[in-house]
């Protein structure tokens, strides 16, 4: 339920004095406790010792950031993500999870 629906004034967002740290992530690892949920975000990158194309190429998940949320915030985030994804798919196309990538050349 939004602040407006609860009769509270909205909370305004402002940018931090040093700006916002932007990251890209295509991997997530989630752990939790009774109090909160932690999401570690990473990007798939070539392993520094196996970068050459071919059979010996190795990919690793390089950690970019971690976010810890209360369970309440995690549930609110879930609801917001569900609504955004449903709207995207209704407007564009279904996001497929079972994609297959071609092998290395």
N, C-alpha and C. Protein backbone atom coordinates (compact mmCIF):
# COMPACT_ATOMS: atom_id res chain seq x y z
N UNK A 1 0.85 -1.17 0.00
CA UNK A 1 0.00 0.00 0.00
C UNK A 1 0.89 1.23 0.00
N UNK A 2 0.58 2.19 -0.86
CA UNK A 2 1.40 3.38 -0.98
C UNK A 2 1.16 4.34 0.18
N UNK A 3 2.08 5.32 0.31
CA UNK A 3 1.91 6.35 1.33
C UNK A 3 0.60 7.09 1.13
N UNK A 4 0.28 7.37 -0.14
CA UNK A 4 -0.95 8.10 -0.45
C UNK A 4 -2.18 7.31 0.01
N UNK A 5 -2.18 5.98 -0.25
CA UNK A 5 -3.30 5.14 0.15
C UNK A 5 -3.43 5.06 1.67
N UNK A 6 -2.31 5.24 2.39
CA UNK A 6 -2.34 5.18 3.85
C UNK A 6 -2.54 6.57 4.46
N UNK A 7 -2.71 7.61 3.65
CA UNK A 7 -2.94 8.95 4.15
C UNK A 7 -1.70 9.65 4.68
N UNK A 8 -0.51 9.13 4.33
CA UNK A 8 0.75 9.77 4.76
C UNK A 8 1.30 10.60 3.61
N UNK A 9 2.02 11.68 3.93
CA UNK A 9 2.66 12.42 2.84
C UNK A 9 3.74 11.56 2.19
N UNK A 10 3.97 11.71 0.89
CA UNK A 10 4.99 10.88 0.22
C UNK A 10 6.40 11.22 0.71
N UNK A 11 7.27 10.22 0.65
CA UNK A 11 8.68 10.43 0.98
C UNK A 11 9.38 10.83 -0.32
N UNK A 12 10.04 11.98 -0.30
CA UNK A 12 10.74 12.47 -1.49
C UNK A 12 12.15 11.88 -1.54
N UNK A 13 12.56 11.50 -2.73
CA UNK A 13 13.89 10.95 -2.94
C UNK A 13 14.83 12.08 -3.33
N UNK A 14 16.03 12.09 -2.74
CA UNK A 14 17.07 13.04 -3.14
C UNK A 14 18.34 12.26 -3.42
N UNK A 15 19.20 12.83 -4.23
CA UNK A 15 20.46 12.17 -4.55
C UNK A 15 21.47 12.44 -3.44
N UNK A 16 22.27 11.43 -3.11
CA UNK A 16 23.33 11.59 -2.11
C UNK A 16 24.33 12.65 -2.59
N UNK A 17 24.98 13.36 -1.67
CA UNK A 17 25.93 14.41 -2.07
C UNK A 17 27.00 13.94 -3.04
N UNK A 18 27.46 12.69 -2.90
CA UNK A 18 28.50 12.17 -3.80
C UNK A 18 27.91 11.45 -5.00
N UNK A 19 26.60 11.52 -5.20
CA UNK A 19 25.96 10.85 -6.32
C UNK A 19 25.58 9.42 -5.98
N UNK A 20 25.07 8.73 -6.97
CA UNK A 20 24.61 7.35 -6.81
C UNK A 20 25.59 6.43 -7.55
N UNK A 21 25.99 5.35 -6.89
CA UNK A 21 26.88 4.39 -7.50
C UNK A 21 26.06 3.46 -8.39
N UNK A 22 26.32 3.48 -9.69
CA UNK A 22 25.59 2.65 -10.65
C UNK A 22 26.37 1.37 -10.90
N UNK A 23 25.66 0.24 -10.92
CA UNK A 23 26.30 -1.04 -11.23
C UNK A 23 25.47 -1.77 -12.27
N UNK A 24 26.09 -2.74 -12.92
CA UNK A 24 25.39 -3.67 -13.80
C UNK A 24 25.60 -5.05 -13.20
N UNK A 25 24.54 -5.84 -13.15
CA UNK A 25 24.65 -7.21 -12.64
C UNK A 25 23.80 -8.14 -13.49
N UNK A 26 24.33 -9.33 -13.76
CA UNK A 26 23.55 -10.35 -14.45
C UNK A 26 23.56 -11.67 -13.68
N UNK A 27 23.95 -11.59 -12.40
CA UNK A 27 23.92 -12.74 -11.49
C UNK A 27 23.52 -12.22 -10.11
N UNK A 28 22.80 -13.05 -9.36
CA UNK A 28 22.45 -12.70 -7.98
C UNK A 28 22.53 -13.94 -7.11
N UNK A 29 22.98 -13.75 -5.89
CA UNK A 29 23.05 -14.83 -4.91
C UNK A 29 22.37 -14.32 -3.65
N UNK A 30 21.37 -15.05 -3.15
CA UNK A 30 20.56 -14.59 -2.03
C UNK A 30 20.79 -15.48 -0.81
N UNK A 31 21.02 -14.83 0.33
CA UNK A 31 21.08 -15.52 1.62
C UNK A 31 20.15 -14.76 2.57
N UNK A 32 19.77 -15.40 3.69
CA UNK A 32 18.83 -14.74 4.59
C UNK A 32 19.02 -15.21 6.02
N UNK A 33 18.44 -14.41 6.91
CA UNK A 33 18.36 -14.76 8.32
C UNK A 33 16.92 -14.52 8.76
N UNK A 34 16.64 -14.68 10.03
CA UNK A 34 15.29 -14.40 10.53
C UNK A 34 14.95 -12.92 10.42
N UNK A 35 15.97 -12.07 10.39
CA UNK A 35 15.74 -10.62 10.40
C UNK A 35 15.76 -9.97 9.03
N UNK A 36 16.55 -10.50 8.10
CA UNK A 36 16.71 -9.81 6.83
C UNK A 36 17.14 -10.74 5.71
N UNK A 37 17.25 -10.16 4.52
CA UNK A 37 17.61 -10.88 3.30
C UNK A 37 18.77 -10.13 2.65
N UNK A 38 19.78 -10.85 2.18
CA UNK A 38 20.94 -10.21 1.55
C UNK A 38 21.05 -10.70 0.11
N UNK A 39 21.20 -9.75 -0.81
CA UNK A 39 21.36 -10.07 -2.23
C UNK A 39 22.74 -9.60 -2.66
N UNK A 40 23.57 -10.56 -3.07
CA UNK A 40 24.89 -10.23 -3.63
C UNK A 40 24.73 -10.18 -5.15
N UNK A 41 25.19 -9.10 -5.76
CA UNK A 41 25.06 -8.90 -7.20
C UNK A 41 26.42 -9.02 -7.87
N UNK A 42 26.45 -9.72 -9.01
CA UNK A 42 27.71 -9.94 -9.71
C UNK A 42 27.51 -9.82 -11.21
N UNK A 43 28.62 -9.68 -11.91
CA UNK A 43 28.61 -9.65 -13.38
C UNK A 43 29.51 -10.76 -13.89
N UNK A 44 29.01 -11.51 -14.87
CA UNK A 44 29.83 -12.55 -15.49
C UNK A 44 30.92 -11.90 -16.33
N UNK A 45 32.17 -12.29 -16.05
CA UNK A 45 33.33 -11.74 -16.76
C UNK A 45 34.31 -12.88 -17.05
N UNK A 46 35.23 -12.67 -17.97
CA UNK A 46 36.24 -13.70 -18.22
C UNK A 46 37.16 -13.86 -17.01
N UNK A 47 37.56 -15.09 -16.73
CA UNK A 47 38.53 -15.34 -15.68
C UNK A 47 39.85 -14.71 -16.11
N UNK A 48 40.54 -14.00 -15.23
CA UNK A 48 41.77 -13.30 -15.64
C UNK A 48 42.86 -14.22 -16.18
N UNK A 49 42.83 -15.49 -15.81
CA UNK A 49 43.88 -16.41 -16.29
C UNK A 49 43.40 -17.31 -17.42
N UNK A 50 42.15 -17.13 -17.88
CA UNK A 50 41.63 -17.97 -18.96
C UNK A 50 40.72 -17.14 -19.86
N UNK A 51 41.28 -16.07 -20.42
CA UNK A 51 40.50 -15.11 -21.21
C UNK A 51 40.42 -15.46 -22.69
N UNK A 52 41.34 -16.28 -23.17
CA UNK A 52 41.39 -16.55 -24.60
C UNK A 52 40.17 -17.36 -25.05
N UNK A 53 39.62 -17.03 -26.24
CA UNK A 53 38.49 -17.79 -26.77
C UNK A 53 38.88 -19.25 -26.98
N UNK A 54 37.89 -20.12 -26.93
CA UNK A 54 38.13 -21.54 -27.17
C UNK A 54 37.76 -22.39 -25.98
N UNK A 55 38.23 -23.64 -26.00
CA UNK A 55 37.86 -24.62 -24.99
C UNK A 55 38.32 -24.26 -23.58
N UNK A 56 39.39 -23.48 -23.45
CA UNK A 56 39.94 -23.18 -22.13
C UNK A 56 39.37 -21.89 -21.54
N UNK A 57 38.45 -21.26 -22.24
CA UNK A 57 37.82 -20.01 -21.76
C UNK A 57 37.00 -20.31 -20.51
N UNK A 58 37.12 -19.47 -19.48
CA UNK A 58 36.40 -19.66 -18.22
C UNK A 58 35.71 -18.35 -17.83
N UNK A 59 34.47 -18.46 -17.42
CA UNK A 59 33.70 -17.30 -16.95
C UNK A 59 33.58 -17.38 -15.43
N UNK A 60 33.68 -16.22 -14.77
CA UNK A 60 33.49 -16.14 -13.32
C UNK A 60 32.49 -15.03 -13.01
N UNK A 61 31.87 -15.10 -11.84
CA UNK A 61 30.95 -14.05 -11.39
C UNK A 61 31.75 -13.10 -10.50
N UNK A 62 31.98 -11.88 -11.00
CA UNK A 62 32.72 -10.88 -10.24
C UNK A 62 31.73 -10.04 -9.44
N UNK A 63 31.84 -10.08 -8.11
CA UNK A 63 30.88 -9.39 -7.25
C UNK A 63 30.99 -7.88 -7.43
N UNK A 64 29.82 -7.23 -7.59
CA UNK A 64 29.76 -5.79 -7.80
C UNK A 64 29.22 -5.05 -6.60
N UNK A 65 28.23 -5.64 -5.90
CA UNK A 65 27.60 -4.96 -4.76
C UNK A 65 26.79 -5.97 -3.97
N UNK A 66 26.39 -5.57 -2.76
CA UNK A 66 25.49 -6.38 -1.94
C UNK A 66 24.46 -5.44 -1.33
N UNK A 67 23.22 -5.93 -1.26
CA UNK A 67 22.13 -5.16 -0.69
C UNK A 67 21.47 -6.00 0.39
N UNK A 68 21.26 -5.43 1.57
CA UNK A 68 20.56 -6.11 2.64
C UNK A 68 19.23 -5.40 2.88
N UNK A 69 18.15 -6.18 2.89
CA UNK A 69 16.80 -5.65 3.05
C UNK A 69 16.11 -6.31 4.22
N UNK A 70 15.20 -5.57 4.87
CA UNK A 70 14.32 -6.21 5.84
C UNK A 70 13.37 -7.10 5.06
N UNK A 71 12.76 -8.05 5.75
CA UNK A 71 11.80 -8.93 5.07
C UNK A 71 10.63 -8.11 4.51
N UNK A 72 10.20 -7.09 5.23
CA UNK A 72 9.10 -6.25 4.74
C UNK A 72 9.50 -5.56 3.43
N UNK A 73 10.72 -4.98 3.41
CA UNK A 73 11.18 -4.34 2.17
C UNK A 73 11.37 -5.34 1.05
N UNK A 74 11.81 -6.55 1.38
CA UNK A 74 11.97 -7.58 0.35
C UNK A 74 10.62 -7.91 -0.29
N UNK A 75 9.59 -8.00 0.53
CA UNK A 75 8.25 -8.30 0.00
C UNK A 75 7.72 -7.15 -0.84
N UNK A 76 7.95 -5.91 -0.40
CA UNK A 76 7.55 -4.75 -1.20
C UNK A 76 8.30 -4.73 -2.54
N UNK A 77 9.61 -5.02 -2.50
CA UNK A 77 10.40 -5.07 -3.73
C UNK A 77 9.86 -6.14 -4.66
N UNK A 78 9.53 -7.32 -4.11
CA UNK A 78 8.95 -8.39 -4.92
C UNK A 78 7.68 -7.93 -5.62
N UNK A 79 6.80 -7.26 -4.88
CA UNK A 79 5.54 -6.78 -5.46
C UNK A 79 5.79 -5.76 -6.57
N UNK A 80 6.74 -4.84 -6.33
CA UNK A 80 7.06 -3.84 -7.36
C UNK A 80 7.67 -4.50 -8.60
N UNK A 81 8.60 -5.43 -8.39
CA UNK A 81 9.21 -6.12 -9.54
C UNK A 81 8.18 -6.91 -10.33
N UNK A 82 7.28 -7.60 -9.63
CA UNK A 82 6.23 -8.36 -10.31
C UNK A 82 5.39 -7.45 -11.19
N UNK A 83 4.98 -6.30 -10.66
CA UNK A 83 4.15 -5.36 -11.43
C UNK A 83 4.91 -4.81 -12.63
N UNK A 84 6.18 -4.45 -12.45
CA UNK A 84 6.97 -3.90 -13.56
C UNK A 84 7.19 -4.96 -14.64
N UNK A 85 7.52 -6.19 -14.24
CA UNK A 85 7.75 -7.27 -15.22
C UNK A 85 6.47 -7.59 -15.98
N UNK A 86 5.35 -7.68 -15.28
CA UNK A 86 4.07 -7.95 -15.95
C UNK A 86 3.73 -6.84 -16.94
N UNK A 87 3.97 -5.60 -16.58
CA UNK A 87 3.71 -4.48 -17.49
C UNK A 87 4.62 -4.52 -18.71
N UNK A 88 5.91 -4.84 -18.48
CA UNK A 88 6.85 -4.95 -19.60
C UNK A 88 6.40 -6.04 -20.56
N UNK A 89 6.06 -7.22 -20.02
CA UNK A 89 5.67 -8.34 -20.88
C UNK A 89 4.37 -8.06 -21.61
N UNK A 90 3.44 -7.39 -20.98
CA UNK A 90 2.18 -7.04 -21.64
C UNK A 90 2.43 -6.07 -22.80
N UNK A 91 3.38 -5.15 -22.60
CA UNK A 91 3.67 -4.13 -23.61
C UNK A 91 4.60 -4.64 -24.70
N UNK A 92 5.53 -5.55 -24.36
CA UNK A 92 6.56 -5.97 -25.30
C UNK A 92 6.47 -7.45 -25.64
N UNK A 93 7.06 -8.29 -24.84
CA UNK A 93 7.10 -9.73 -25.09
C UNK A 93 7.37 -10.46 -23.78
N UNK A 94 7.08 -11.76 -23.78
CA UNK A 94 7.36 -12.58 -22.60
C UNK A 94 8.86 -12.76 -22.44
N UNK A 95 9.34 -12.56 -21.25
CA UNK A 95 10.76 -12.78 -20.94
C UNK A 95 10.95 -14.27 -20.71
N UNK A 96 11.81 -14.87 -21.51
CA UNK A 96 12.04 -16.31 -21.41
C UNK A 96 13.19 -16.58 -20.44
N UNK A 97 13.02 -17.58 -19.59
CA UNK A 97 14.05 -17.95 -18.63
C UNK A 97 14.87 -19.15 -19.07
N UNK A 98 14.34 -19.93 -20.00
CA UNK A 98 15.02 -21.16 -20.42
C UNK A 98 15.80 -20.99 -21.72
N UNK A 99 16.50 -19.87 -21.86
CA UNK A 99 17.25 -19.61 -23.09
C UNK A 99 18.49 -20.50 -23.14
N UNK A 100 18.91 -20.80 -24.33
CA UNK A 100 20.10 -21.62 -24.53
C UNK A 100 21.10 -20.80 -25.37
N UNK A 101 22.35 -20.84 -24.96
CA UNK A 101 23.41 -20.12 -25.66
C UNK A 101 24.19 -21.08 -26.54
N UNK A 102 24.69 -20.60 -27.68
CA UNK A 102 25.54 -21.46 -28.51
C UNK A 102 26.87 -21.73 -27.81
N UNK A 103 27.55 -22.80 -28.20
CA UNK A 103 28.84 -23.14 -27.62
C UNK A 103 29.93 -22.17 -28.06
N UNK A 104 31.09 -22.28 -27.42
CA UNK A 104 32.23 -21.45 -27.79
C UNK A 104 32.73 -21.80 -29.19
N UNK A 105 33.29 -20.82 -29.84
CA UNK A 105 33.87 -21.04 -31.17
C UNK A 105 35.32 -21.38 -31.07
